Amino acid sequence: MTKFFFKSAKINEFRLWGLVFTLVGMGVMILGTAGIVFWGQAGKIIAAIFMVIGMISLLISVAVYFWAGMMSTSATMLQCPECGRQTKMLGKTDRCMYCRTMLTLDPAQATHGSQEQQV
């Protein structure tokens, strides 16, 4: 059985990374603008460099959000056996988006308890 590294649903992990890139990009741009306050005319060059780096980070976040959205449209919809809510699943194993219960479509990876519930 493969080890599962995600602590939440895979789609939520991708969305989290998109948010991280957005916040880092905005923070870098704000820090770059602060260079004008501290160094005056010379700070404009620093601000321009930081603006470009921040914009690249924001573009990466747009790509990550787009990728997560595309994966979300093709995800398998199923009902979580634990909380009863409808959730999306990527791949053979994933977690519920709400209660974080491990889910699988592969009978070889299913636990004994879930096989009793299906019978």
C-alpha atoms as a PDB file:
ATOM      1  CA  MET A   1       0.000   0.000   0.000  1.00  0.00           C
ATOM      2  CA  THR A   2       1.417   3.367  -0.971  1.00  0.00           C
ATOM      3  CA  LYS A   3       1.906   5.995   1.665  1.00  0.00           C
ATOM      4  CA  PHE A   4      -0.372   9.015   1.359  1.00  0.00           C
ATOM      5  CA  PHE A   5       1.424  12.330   1.906  1.00  0.00           C
ATOM      6  CA  PHE A   6      -1.436  14.840   1.615  1.00  0.00           C
ATOM      7  CA  LYS A   7      -3.196  15.936   4.802  1.00  0.00           C
ATOM      8  CA  SER A   8      -6.200  17.266   2.902  1.00  0.00           C
ATOM      9  CA  ALA A   9      -7.839  16.638  -0.464  1.00  0.00           C
ATOM     10  CA  LYS A  10      -5.507  16.909  -3.456  1.00  0.00           C
ATOM     11  CA  ILE A  11      -7.581  19.671  -5.068  1.00  0.00           C
ATOM     12  CA  ASN A  12      -7.424  21.692  -1.845  1.00  0.00           C
ATOM     13  CA  GLU A  13      -3.627  21.224  -1.752  1.00  0.00           C
ATOM     14  CA  PHE A  14      -3.314  22.695  -5.254  1.00  0.00           C
ATOM     15  CA  ARG A  15      -5.554  25.605  -4.281  1.00  0.00           C
ATOM     16  CA  LEU A  16      -3.405  26.178  -1.193  1.00  0.00           C
ATOM     17  CA  TRP A  17      -0.279  26.441  -3.365  1.00  0.00           C
ATOM     18  CA  GLY A  18      -2.081  28.922  -5.617  1.00  0.00           C
ATOM     19  CA  LEU A  19      -2.895  31.029  -2.567  1.00  0.00           C
ATOM     20  CA  VAL A  20       0.716  30.824  -1.331  1.00  0.00           C
ATOM     21  CA  PHE A  21       2.057  32.052  -4.690  1.00  0.00           C
ATOM     22  CA  THR A  22      -0.490  34.900  -4.679  1.00  0.00           C
ATOM     23  CA  LEU A  23       0.448  36.070  -1.183  1.00  0.00           C
ATOM     24  CA  VAL A  24       4.191  35.745  -1.828  1.00  0.00           C
ATOM     25  CA  GLY A  25       3.871  37.710  -5.069  1.00  0.00           C
ATOM     26  CA  MET A  26       1.916  40.501  -3.417  1.00  0.00           C
ATOM     27  CA  GLY A  27       4.313  40.587  -0.465  1.00  0.00           C
ATOM     28  CA  VAL A  28       7.351  40.823  -2.735  1.00  0.00           C
ATOM     29  CA  MET A  29       5.731  43.697  -4.641  1.00  0.00           C
ATOM     30  CA  ILE A  30       4.930  45.558  -1.421  1.00  0.00           C
ATOM     31  CA  LEU A  31       8.487  45.078  -0.152  1.00  0.00           C
ATOM     32  CA  GLY A  32       9.823  46.347  -3.467  1.00  0.00           C
ATOM     33  CA  THR A  33       7.666  49.454  -3.217  1.00  0.00           C
ATOM     34  CA  ALA A  34       9.050  50.042   0.280  1.00  0.00           C
ATOM     35  CA  GLY A  35      12.481  50.342  -1.380  1.00  0.00           C
ATOM     36  CA  ILE A  36      11.374  53.703  -2.809  1.00  0.00           C
ATOM     37  CA  VAL A  37      10.590  54.944   0.690  1.00  0.00           C
ATOM     38  CA  PHE A  38      13.933  53.840   2.126  1.00  0.00           C
ATOM     39  CA  TRP A  39      16.323  54.615  -0.757  1.00  0.00           C
ATOM     40  CA  GLY A  40      14.549  57.276  -2.811  1.00  0.00           C
ATOM     41  CA  GLN A  41      15.595  57.367  -6.501  1.00  0.00           C
ATOM     42  CA  ALA A  42      17.852  54.307  -6.194  1.00  0.00           C
ATOM     43  CA  GLY A  43      14.934  52.421  -4.672  1.00  0.00           C
ATOM     44  CA  LYS A  44      13.008  52.669  -7.957  1.00  0.00           C
ATOM     45  CA  ILE A  45      15.310  50.095  -9.522  1.00  0.00           C
ATOM     46  CA  ILE A  46      14.776  47.779  -6.554  1.00  0.00           C
ATOM     47  CA  ALA A  47      11.022  48.369  -6.788  1.00  0.00           C
ATOM     48  CA  ALA A  48      11.014  47.506 -10.504  1.00  0.00           C
ATOM     49  CA  ILE A  49      12.946  44.268  -9.914  1.00  0.00           C
ATOM     50  CA  PHE A  50      10.671  43.244  -7.056  1.00  0.00           C
ATOM     51  CA  MET A  51       7.570  44.128  -9.120  1.00  0.00           C
ATOM     52  CA  VAL A  52       8.719  41.793 -11.902  1.00  0.00           C
ATOM     53  CA  ILE A  53       9.461  38.968  -9.431  1.00  0.00           C
ATOM     54  CA  GLY A  54       6.077  39.513  -7.742  1.00  0.00           C
ATOM     55  CA  MET A  55       4.283  39.530 -11.086  1.00  0.00           C
ATOM     56  CA  ILE A  56       5.945  36.234 -12.052  1.00  0.00           C
ATOM     57  CA  SER A  57       4.753  34.732  -8.760  1.00  0.00           C
ATOM     58  CA  LEU A  58       1.215  35.981  -9.431  1.00  0.00           C
ATOM     59  CA  LEU A  59       1.276  34.484 -12.932  1.00  0.00           C
ATOM     60  CA  ILE A  60       2.403  31.166 -11.445  1.00  0.00           C
ATOM     61  CA  SER A  61      -0.530  31.340  -9.025  1.00  0.00           C
ATOM     62  CA  VAL A  62      -2.920  31.935 -11.928  1.00  0.00           C
ATOM     63  CA  ALA A  63      -1.490  28.854 -13.665  1.00  0.00           C
ATOM     64  CA  VAL A  64      -1.854  26.762 -10.487  1.00  0.00           C
ATOM     65  CA  TYR A  65      -5.467  27.889  -9.975  1.00  0.00           C
ATOM     66  CA  PHE A  66      -6.231  27.160 -13.644  1.00  0.00           C
ATOM     67  CA  TRP A  67      -4.660  23.707 -13.354  1.00  0.00           C
ATOM     68  CA  ALA A  68      -6.626  22.962 -10.157  1.00  0.00           C
ATOM     69  CA  GLY A  69      -9.821  24.080 -11.869  1.00  0.00           C
ATOM     70  CA  MET A  70      -9.208  21.852 -14.864  1.00  0.00           C
ATOM     71  CA  MET A  71      -8.502  18.876 -12.606  1.00  0.00           C
ATOM     72  CA  SER A  72     -11.620  19.663 -10.577  1.00  0.00           C
ATOM     73  CA  THR A  73     -13.837  19.428 -13.657  1.00  0.00           C
ATOM     74  CA  SER A  74     -12.632  15.894 -14.409  1.00  0.00           C
ATOM     75  CA  ALA A  75     -12.544  14.656 -10.801  1.00  0.00           C
ATOM     76  CA  THR A  76     -14.638  11.695  -9.728  1.00  0.00           C
ATOM     77  CA  MET A  77     -17.630  12.736  -7.618  1.00  0.00           C
ATOM     78  CA  LEU A  78     -18.586  10.423  -4.773  1.00  0.00           C
ATOM     79  CA  GLN A  79     -20.276  10.462  -1.404  1.00  0.00           C
ATOM     80  CA  CYS A  80     -17.994  10.226   1.626  1.00  0.00           C
ATOM     81  CA  PRO A  81     -18.862   7.161   3.726  1.00  0.00           C
ATOM     82  CA  GLU A  82     -17.863   8.990   6.927  1.00  0.00           C
ATOM     83  CA  CYS A  83     -19.609  12.389   6.726  1.00  0.00           C
ATOM     84  CA  GLY A  84     -22.088  11.690   3.905  1.00  0.00           C
ATOM     85  CA  ARG A  85     -21.175  14.804   1.885  1.00  0.00           C
ATOM     86  CA  GLN A  86     -20.496  14.806  -1.836  1.00  0.00           C
ATOM     87  CA  THR A  87     -16.747  15.174  -2.473  1.00  0.00           C
ATOM     88  CA  LYS A  88     -14.327  15.063  -5.396  1.00  0.00           C
ATOM     89  CA  MET A  89     -11.540  12.538  -5.744  1.00  0.00           C
ATOM     90  CA  LEU A  90      -8.398  12.653  -7.882  1.00  0.00           C
ATOM     91  CA  GLY A  91      -6.500   9.472  -8.679  1.00  0.00           C
ATOM     92  CA  LYS A  92      -6.940   6.138  -6.927  1.00  0.00           C
ATOM     93  CA  THR A  93      -6.702   7.528  -3.386  1.00  0.00           C
ATOM     94  CA  ASP A  94      -7.637  10.901  -1.971  1.00  0.00           C
ATOM     95  CA  ARG A  95      -9.149  12.436   1.140  1.00  0.00           C
ATOM     96  CA  CYS A  96     -12.622  13.796   1.722  1.00  0.00           C
ATOM     97  CA  MET A  97     -12.635  17.581   1.236  1.00  0.00           C
ATOM     98  CA  TYR A  98     -14.605  18.027   4.462  1.00  0.00           C
ATOM     99  CA  CYS A  99     -13.717  15.367   7.046  1.00  0.00           C
ATOM    100  CA  ARG A 100     -10.354  14.239   5.539  1.00  0.00           C
ATOM    101  CA  THR A 101     -11.279  10.551   5.562  1.00  0.00           C
ATOM    102  CA  MET A 102      -9.097   8.442   3.262  1.00  0.00           C
ATOM    103  CA  LEU A 103     -11.038   7.424   0.148  1.00  0.00           C
ATOM    104  CA  THR A 104     -10.107   4.923  -2.549  1.00  0.00           C
ATOM    105  CA  LEU A 105     -11.627   3.385  -5.657  1.00  0.00           C
ATOM    106  CA  ASP A 106      -9.044   0.585  -5.715  1.00  0.00           C
ATOM    107  CA  PRO A 107     -10.330  -2.548  -3.921  1.00  0.00           C
ATOM    108  CA  ALA A 108      -6.740  -3.656  -3.264  1.00  0.00           C
ATOM    109  CA  GLN A 109      -6.103  -0.533  -1.165  1.00  0.00           C
ATOM    110  CA  ALA A 110      -9.438  -0.501   0.669  1.00  0.00           C
ATOM    111  CA  THR A 111      -9.465  -1.267   4.379  1.00  0.00           C
ATOM    112  CA  HIS A 112     -11.368  -4.189   5.853  1.00  0.00           C
ATOM    113  CA  GLY A 113     -13.923  -1.876   7.520  1.00  0.00           C
ATOM    114  CA  SER A 114     -14.979  -0.234   4.265  1.00  0.00           C
ATOM    115  CA  GLN A 115     -15.448  -3.632   2.599  1.00  0.00           C
ATOM    116  CA  GLU A 116     -17.900  -4.653   5.351  1.00  0.00           C
ATOM    117  CA  GLN A 117     -19.944  -1.490   4.754  1.00  0.00           C
ATOM    118  CA  GLN A 118     -20.205  -2.156   1.009  1.00  0.00           C
ATOM    119  CA  VAL A 119     -21.518  -5.712   1.480  1.00  0.00           C
END
